[in-house]
C-alpha cells in the first residue's frame, strides 16, 4: 500500500510510506532504500561565469568547484538571517541547485535580480530533473566510483588567516548516472535524473522503496537540519547547524557576512539546534513545526521536525535558547521533553 502525503503538506507529491514506515526506517538505517524526493525544486545555472558569480552571492567557496564536485550553500539576508539553502552540483557545463519544495521560486528570483551583466542564465529546471535518494550504508555500493562525503569541522574563533583551505567546506563526489548525476552525501547517494525517466530509473535500480516519513526519521536522528523546518525568520547559520556544511569562514564578502563573522569570532549564537526526546505524545499526533518548547511556563524555543523513530520513540529537532541546560525539564504541549546531550 502506497500512501501519499497530505496535499496541504509542504512535501506533497511524493509517497509518505509504502505500508510499514517502521520497517522502512530500519531498511534505511541498516541496508539501503530508495526515497522519492522529486518534489524538490531545481534551478539550472549555465554560463561561463557561474562559479565566480555564485561564489560572490552565497556563503560557500565556489571559485574552484569543478566538474564532478558538489557542495552546499546558503543565501543570507543583509542581517545574516538564513533565506535559502541549496545543494550545488557541477557537471562541467551547468551548476544545478536543488532546494526545498516551494523555495525554488524565491531563490531563482534572487539570482535573476543579481545577474546584471554576468554571463549566466539561471532558470527553473524542476521540470527537467527529479531528485531520488538512495539512503543507507549500502547506498554507495549501488553507484560505485563516488568518494566519501566530506564536511569540514567548524574552526575555532581565533583561527589564523588563510588556515582554512580555499575550497568548499562540504565537498561531495559526483558522477554521471542514467542521463543525470549521482551525488554522494552524508545520508547516502542523491540521484538527479531526467524527470521523464524517473519511473524507468526506479524500476531499473530495483531497490526496495521507502517513503518520506522514513527519510525524515533518519534525517532527524542524524541531526540534519532542513530549511523551513529548523529555521525561522531570525535564524543565523550556526543556530541551525548549517555552518559546517554551508558556510566558508575565510572567503571574500557576501551578503550577511558581517553577522556570521561577528558571532563566530566575538560571541556565541543566541540559539542552538538540539535533539529532543518527547514523552507521552501519540504517534499519530506529533507536534507540528513551530510548536513552542517551554521551560517554567515560558517559551524558550520551537519544534522543527518531530517524528516517530523505530528505536528512539518520538523525537524532534528543536531550536532552543543557548543558555537552556541539557538537563532542563522542558514541556512541549502537555508532554515532557528532554535534550539528548550526545
Protein backbone atom coordinates (compact mmCIF):
# COMPACT_ATOMS: atom_id res chain seq x y z
CA UNK A 1 0.00 0.00 0.00
CA UNK A 2 1.39 3.38 -1.04
CA UNK A 3 0.19 6.39 0.90
CA UNK A 4 0.86 9.87 -0.40
CA UNK A 5 1.44 12.87 1.81
CA UNK A 6 -1.40 15.26 2.63
CA UNK A 7 -1.91 17.62 -0.36
CA UNK A 8 -1.61 20.52 2.10
CA UNK A 9 1.81 19.36 3.29
CA UNK A 10 4.89 21.22 2.02
CA UNK A 11 6.12 17.78 0.95
CA UNK A 12 3.03 16.90 -1.07
CA UNK A 13 3.65 14.99 -4.27
CA UNK A 14 5.82 12.12 -3.03
CA UNK A 15 4.93 8.92 -1.13
CA UNK A 16 4.72 9.14 2.66
CA UNK A 17 5.18 5.39 3.09
CA UNK A 18 4.66 2.01 1.43
CA UNK A 19 2.65 0.32 4.16
CA UNK A 20 5.12 -0.04 7.03
CA UNK A 21 7.01 3.14 7.99
CA UNK A 22 8.91 1.47 10.84
CA UNK A 23 10.22 -1.30 8.57
CA UNK A 24 11.19 1.33 6.02
CA UNK A 25 13.17 3.22 8.66
CA UNK A 26 15.09 0.10 9.61
CA UNK A 27 15.81 -0.50 5.93
CA UNK A 28 17.31 2.98 5.56
CA UNK A 29 19.46 2.61 8.67
CA UNK A 30 20.73 -0.94 8.13
CA UNK A 31 20.76 -1.57 4.36
CA UNK A 32 19.56 0.70 1.54
CA UNK A 33 16.24 2.02 0.32
CA UNK A 34 15.09 4.35 -2.43
CA UNK A 35 13.23 7.51 -1.44
CA UNK A 36 11.35 9.68 -3.95
CA UNK A 37 12.25 13.31 -3.25
CA UNK A 38 11.23 14.57 -6.66
CA UNK A 39 9.19 17.39 -5.13
CA UNK A 40 12.43 19.31 -4.54
CA UNK A 41 12.84 22.43 -6.65
CA UNK A 42 15.76 22.50 -9.10
CA UNK A 43 17.45 25.54 -10.65
CA UNK A 44 19.95 25.36 -13.51
CA UNK A 45 22.76 27.92 -13.74
CA UNK A 46 24.69 27.57 -17.01
CA UNK A 47 27.18 30.18 -18.17
CA UNK A 48 30.94 30.57 -18.12
CA UNK A 49 30.97 32.88 -15.07
CA UNK A 50 28.65 30.76 -12.90
CA UNK A 51 31.27 29.66 -10.34
CA UNK A 52 32.67 33.11 -9.54
CA UNK A 53 29.17 34.63 -9.62
CA UNK A 54 27.69 32.12 -7.16
CA UNK A 55 30.83 32.49 -5.02
CA UNK A 56 30.10 36.21 -4.52
CA UNK A 57 26.38 35.72 -3.81
CA UNK A 58 26.47 32.83 -1.37
CA UNK A 59 28.23 31.68 1.79
CA UNK A 60 30.24 28.93 0.10
CA UNK A 61 33.70 28.96 -1.51
CA UNK A 62 32.89 28.05 -5.11
CA UNK A 63 35.52 29.60 -7.37
CA UNK A 64 37.28 26.26 -7.82
CA UNK A 65 34.24 23.98 -7.84
CA UNK A 66 34.79 21.75 -10.86
CA UNK A 67 33.07 19.01 -12.81
CA UNK A 68 32.36 16.03 -10.61
CA UNK A 69 32.02 18.05 -7.39
CA UNK A 70 29.11 19.24 -5.27
CA UNK A 71 28.60 21.23 -2.09
CA UNK A 72 26.02 23.09 -0.01
CA UNK A 73 25.42 26.84 0.13
CA UNK A 74 23.28 29.45 1.85
CA UNK A 75 21.86 32.79 0.80
CA UNK A 76 21.61 35.20 3.72
CA UNK A 77 19.73 38.43 4.30
CA UNK A 78 21.75 41.63 4.80
CA UNK A 79 21.43 40.97 8.55
CA UNK A 80 22.78 37.42 8.24
CA UNK A 81 19.50 35.53 8.54
CA UNK A 82 19.12 32.33 6.51
CA UNK A 83 16.92 32.87 3.45
CA UNK A 84 17.91 29.93 1.24
CA UNK A 85 19.75 26.62 1.46
CA UNK A 86 20.63 24.51 -1.56
CA UNK A 87 22.89 21.73 -2.79
CA UNK A 88 25.04 22.73 -5.77
CA UNK A 89 26.15 20.06 -8.23
CA UNK A 90 28.57 20.87 -11.06
CA UNK A 91 28.63 18.85 -14.29
CA UNK A 92 31.17 20.92 -16.24
CA UNK A 93 28.59 22.97 -18.15
CA UNK A 94 25.88 23.79 -15.61
CA UNK A 95 25.63 24.27 -11.86
CA UNK A 96 22.46 22.54 -10.64
CA UNK A 97 20.93 23.88 -7.43
CA UNK A 98 18.32 21.73 -5.70
CA UNK A 99 16.40 23.13 -2.76
CA UNK A 100 13.30 22.66 -0.64
CA UNK A 101 9.86 22.27 -2.24
CA UNK A 102 8.48 25.76 -2.76
CA UNK A 103 11.79 27.52 -2.10
CA UNK A 104 13.00 27.50 -5.71
CA UNK A 105 10.96 30.50 -6.84
CA UNK A 106 12.49 32.74 -4.18
CA UNK A 107 16.00 31.53 -4.92
CA UNK A 108 15.56 31.98 -8.67
CA UNK A 109 14.12 35.48 -8.16
CA UNK A 110 17.17 36.48 -6.13
CA UNK A 111 19.62 35.01 -8.64
CA UNK A 112 17.87 36.69 -11.55
CA UNK A 113 17.84 40.02 -9.73
CA UNK A 114 21.60 39.77 -9.09
CA UNK A 115 22.54 38.70 -12.59
CA UNK A 116 23.33 42.17 -14.02
CA UNK A 117 25.81 41.69 -16.90
CA UNK A 118 27.24 38.39 -15.67
CA UNK A 119 27.46 35.57 -18.21
CA UNK A 120 24.94 33.26 -16.54
CA UNK A 121 21.42 32.12 -17.45
CA UNK A 122 19.61 30.87 -14.33
CA UNK A 123 16.32 29.07 -14.99
CA UNK A 124 13.75 26.89 -13.26
CA UNK A 125 14.74 23.29 -14.07
CA UNK A 126 12.26 21.48 -11.81
CA UNK A 127 10.55 20.02 -14.88
CA UNK A 128 13.90 18.75 -16.19
CA UNK A 129 15.47 16.91 -13.23
CA UNK A 130 13.98 14.91 -10.37
CA UNK A 131 15.76 14.06 -7.11
CA UNK A 132 15.78 10.47 -5.85
CA UNK A 133 17.76 9.38 -2.79
CA UNK A 134 19.45 6.07 -2.06
CA UNK A 135 19.70 6.08 1.73
CA UNK A 136 21.60 3.72 3.98
CA UNK A 137 25.02 2.07 4.44
CA UNK A 138 24.58 0.12 1.19
CA UNK A 139 23.83 3.15 -0.99
CA UNK A 140 27.38 3.71 -2.25
CA UNK A 141 27.64 0.08 -3.41
CA UNK A 142 24.90 0.72 -5.96
CA UNK A 143 26.73 3.67 -7.51
CA UNK A 144 30.44 2.81 -7.38
CA UNK A 145 33.13 5.36 -8.02
CA UNK A 146 31.95 8.03 -5.57
CA UNK A 147 34.31 9.23 -2.85
CA UNK A 148 33.29 9.56 0.78
CA UNK A 149 31.47 12.84 1.53
CA UNK A 150 33.49 15.45 3.36
CA UNK A 151 32.15 18.07 5.75
CA UNK A 152 34.86 20.10 7.44
CA UNK A 153 34.84 20.88 11.14
CA UNK A 154 33.97 24.45 12.12
CA UNK A 155 37.27 26.16 13.02
CA UNK A 156 37.74 27.91 16.33
CA UNK A 157 37.00 31.63 16.59
CA UNK A 158 40.68 32.60 16.57
CA UNK A 159 41.93 30.57 13.59
CA UNK A 160 44.78 32.15 11.65
CA UNK A 161 44.03 33.94 8.40
CA UNK A 162 44.46 31.57 5.49
CA UNK A 163 44.33 28.43 7.64
CA UNK A 164 41.03 27.36 6.08
CA UNK A 165 41.63 25.96 2.57
CA UNK A 166 40.17 27.85 -0.42
CA UNK A 167 37.64 25.16 -1.22
CA UNK A 168 34.07 24.37 -0.15
CA UNK A 169 33.56 23.42 3.49
CA UNK A 170 31.46 20.50 2.27
CA UNK A 171 32.67 18.58 -0.76
CA UNK A 172 30.67 15.76 -2.34
CA UNK A 173 31.72 13.48 -5.17
CA UNK A 174 29.63 13.43 -8.38
CA UNK A 175 29.48 11.11 -11.41
CA UNK A 176 27.23 10.65 -14.42
CA UNK A 177 24.25 8.37 -13.84
CA UNK A 178 21.45 7.30 -16.19
CA UNK A 179 21.43 10.55 -18.17
CA UNK A 180 21.73 12.60 -14.99
CA UNK A 181 24.04 12.82 -11.99
CA UNK A 182 24.75 10.88 -8.79
CA UNK A 183 25.98 12.79 -5.74
CA UNK A 184 27.45 11.17 -2.62
CA UNK A 185 26.07 12.84 0.55
CA UNK A 186 26.20 12.01 4.27
CA UNK A 187 22.91 10.05 4.24
CA UNK A 188 23.69 8.10 1.06
CA UNK A 189 23.56 8.99 -2.64
CA UNK A 190 21.29 11.56 -4.28
CA UNK A 191 20.34 10.92 -7.89
CA UNK A 192 19.45 13.86 -10.14
CA UNK A 193 17.79 12.12 -13.07
CA UNK A 194 15.75 13.33 -16.06
CA UNK A 195 12.20 13.72 -14.77
CA UNK A 196 10.79 11.92 -17.78
CA UNK A 197 12.96 8.90 -16.95
CA UNK A 198 12.23 8.80 -13.20
CA UNK A 199 9.97 5.75 -13.28
CA UNK A 200 12.34 3.85 -15.57
CA UNK A 201 15.31 4.61 -13.29
CA UNK A 202 13.40 3.41 -10.22
CA UNK A 203 12.47 0.16 -11.97
CA UNK A 204 16.00 -0.41 -13.27
CA UNK A 205 17.56 0.08 -9.82
CA UNK A 206 15.17 -2.47 -8.32
CA UNK A 207 15.83 -1.16 -4.80
CA UNK A 208 13.25 -1.52 -2.03
CA UNK A 209 11.20 1.66 -1.66
CA UNK A 210 10.82 3.80 1.43
CA UNK A 211 8.63 6.83 1.95
CA UNK A 212 9.45 10.32 3.08
CA UNK A 213 8.31 9.55 6.64
CA UNK A 214 11.17 7.08 6.96
CA UNK A 215 13.63 9.51 5.36
CA UNK A 216 12.62 12.27 7.77
CA UNK A 217 13.06 9.96 10.77
CA UNK A 218 16.59 9.10 9.62
CA UNK A 219 17.36 12.77 8.98
CA UNK A 220 16.15 13.85 12.42
CA UNK A 221 18.10 11.09 14.17
CA UNK A 222 21.21 12.26 12.28
CA UNK A 223 20.53 15.85 13.46
CA UNK A 224 20.48 17.14 9.90
CA UNK A 225 18.60 20.48 9.69
CA UNK A 226 16.18 21.45 6.98
CA UNK A 227 15.31 24.91 5.67
CA UNK A 228 11.84 25.96 6.81
CA UNK A 229 11.67 23.29 9.49
CA UNK A 230 14.67 24.05 11.70
CA UNK A 231 14.80 27.69 10.63
CA UNK A 232 12.61 30.74 11.09
CA UNK A 233 12.90 34.39 10.01
CA UNK A 234 15.53 35.09 12.70
CA UNK A 235 17.81 32.09 12.13
CA UNK A 236 21.52 32.67 11.59
CA UNK A 237 23.62 29.73 10.26
CA UNK A 238 25.25 28.50 13.50
CA UNK A 239 21.89 28.32 15.30
CA UNK A 240 20.53 25.67 12.94
CA UNK A 241 23.65 23.58 12.45
CA UNK A 242 24.22 24.98 8.95
CA UNK A 243 27.69 26.45 9.50
CA UNK A 244 29.91 23.40 8.91
CA UNK A 245 28.39 22.28 5.62
CA UNK A 246 27.24 25.55 4.12
CA UNK A 247 29.47 28.45 5.23
CA UNK A 248 33.10 29.18 4.44
CA UNK A 249 34.60 31.40 7.16
CA UNK A 250 37.66 32.57 5.24
CA UNK A 251 36.39 33.86 1.91
CA UNK A 252 35.54 37.20 0.37
CA UNK A 253 32.50 39.33 1.08
CA UNK A 254 28.93 38.12 0.67
CA UNK A 255 25.61 39.40 1.90
CA UNK A 256 25.23 38.79 5.65
CA UNK A 257 28.91 38.00 6.21
CA UNK A 258 29.35 40.60 8.97
CA UNK A 259 26.84 38.88 11.23
CA UNK A 260 28.36 35.44 10.67
CA UNK A 261 31.90 36.70 11.33
CA UNK A 262 30.92 38.74 14.39
CA UNK A 263 29.09 35.87 16.08
CA UNK A 264 31.83 33.36 15.25
CA UNK A 265 34.77 35.49 16.41
CA UNK A 266 33.30 37.60 19.21
CA UNK A 267 30.48 35.62 20.78
CA UNK A 268 28.07 32.73 20.55
CA UNK A 269 24.78 32.36 18.67
CA UNK A 270 21.74 33.07 20.86
CA UNK A 271 20.15 29.70 19.99
CA UNK A 272 21.25 26.16 19.21
CA UNK A 273 19.94 23.06 17.43
CA UNK A 274 19.20 20.06 19.69
CA UNK A 275 17.63 16.63 19.51
CA UNK A 276 14.69 16.25 21.89
CA UNK A 277 13.13 13.09 23.28
CA UNK A 278 9.37 13.60 23.66
CA UNK A 279 7.34 11.66 26.20
CA UNK A 280 3.62 10.89 26.15
CA UNK A 281 2.83 12.08 22.62
CA UNK A 282 0.69 9.84 20.43
CA UNK A 283 2.49 8.58 17.34
CA UNK A 284 -0.26 9.88 15.06
CA UNK A 285 -0.15 13.38 16.56
CA UNK A 286 3.46 14.61 16.60
CA UNK A 287 3.86 18.31 17.39
CA UNK A 288 3.81 20.45 14.28
CA UNK A 289 6.64 22.67 13.14
CA UNK A 290 6.78 25.83 15.23
CA UNK A 291 5.22 24.32 18.38
CA UNK A 292 6.72 26.17 21.38
CA UNK A 293 9.14 24.42 23.73
CA UNK A 294 8.59 25.74 27.25
CA UNK A 295 10.60 25.93 30.46
CA UNK A 296 8.91 27.07 33.67
CA UNK A 297 5.92 28.33 31.71
CA UNK A 298 7.80 30.43 29.17
CA UNK A 299 8.74 29.68 25.57
CA UNK A 300 12.46 29.08 25.10
CA UNK A 301 12.43 27.61 21.58
CA UNK A 302 10.42 25.81 18.94
CA UNK A 303 9.97 22.38 17.43
CA UNK A 304 11.39 21.90 13.95
CA UNK A 305 10.63 18.35 12.78
CA UNK A 306 9.01 15.75 15.07
CA UNK A 307 8.93 12.07 14.07
CA UNK A 308 8.31 8.60 15.48
CA UNK A 309 11.63 6.75 15.31
CA UNK A 310 11.67 2.95 15.27
CA UNK A 311 14.21 2.78 18.14
CA UNK A 312 14.23 6.18 19.83
CA UNK A 313 10.47 6.71 20.00
CA UNK A 314 9.09 10.21 19.50
CA UNK A 315 11.96 12.59 18.81
CA UNK A 316 12.29 16.06 17.37
CA UNK A 317 14.85 18.55 16.20
CA UNK A 318 14.31 21.81 18.05
CA UNK A 319 15.94 25.22 18.26
CA UNK A 320 16.38 26.39 21.86
CA UNK A 321 17.94 29.35 23.64
CA UNK A 322 21.61 28.63 24.12
CA UNK A 323 21.54 29.06 27.90
CA UNK A 324 18.99 26.26 28.39
CA UNK A 325 20.75 23.44 30.26
CA UNK A 326 20.81 19.94 28.78
CA UNK A 327 19.10 18.57 31.89
CA UNK A 328 16.30 21.17 31.94
CA UNK A 329 12.75 19.83 32.33
CA UNK A 330 11.09 21.00 29.14
CA UNK A 331 7.46 20.90 28.08
CA UNK A 332 6.04 20.54 24.56
CA UNK A 333 2.26 20.95 24.65
CA UNK A 334 1.34 18.95 27.72
CA UNK A 335 4.17 16.45 27.40
CA UNK A 336 7.65 16.28 28.87
CA UNK A 337 10.72 16.71 26.70
CA UNK A 338 14.42 16.19 27.34
CA UNK A 339 17.54 17.23 25.42
CA UNK A 340 19.72 14.42 24.08
CA UNK A 341 23.19 15.62 25.15
CA UNK A 342 25.11 13.33 22.78
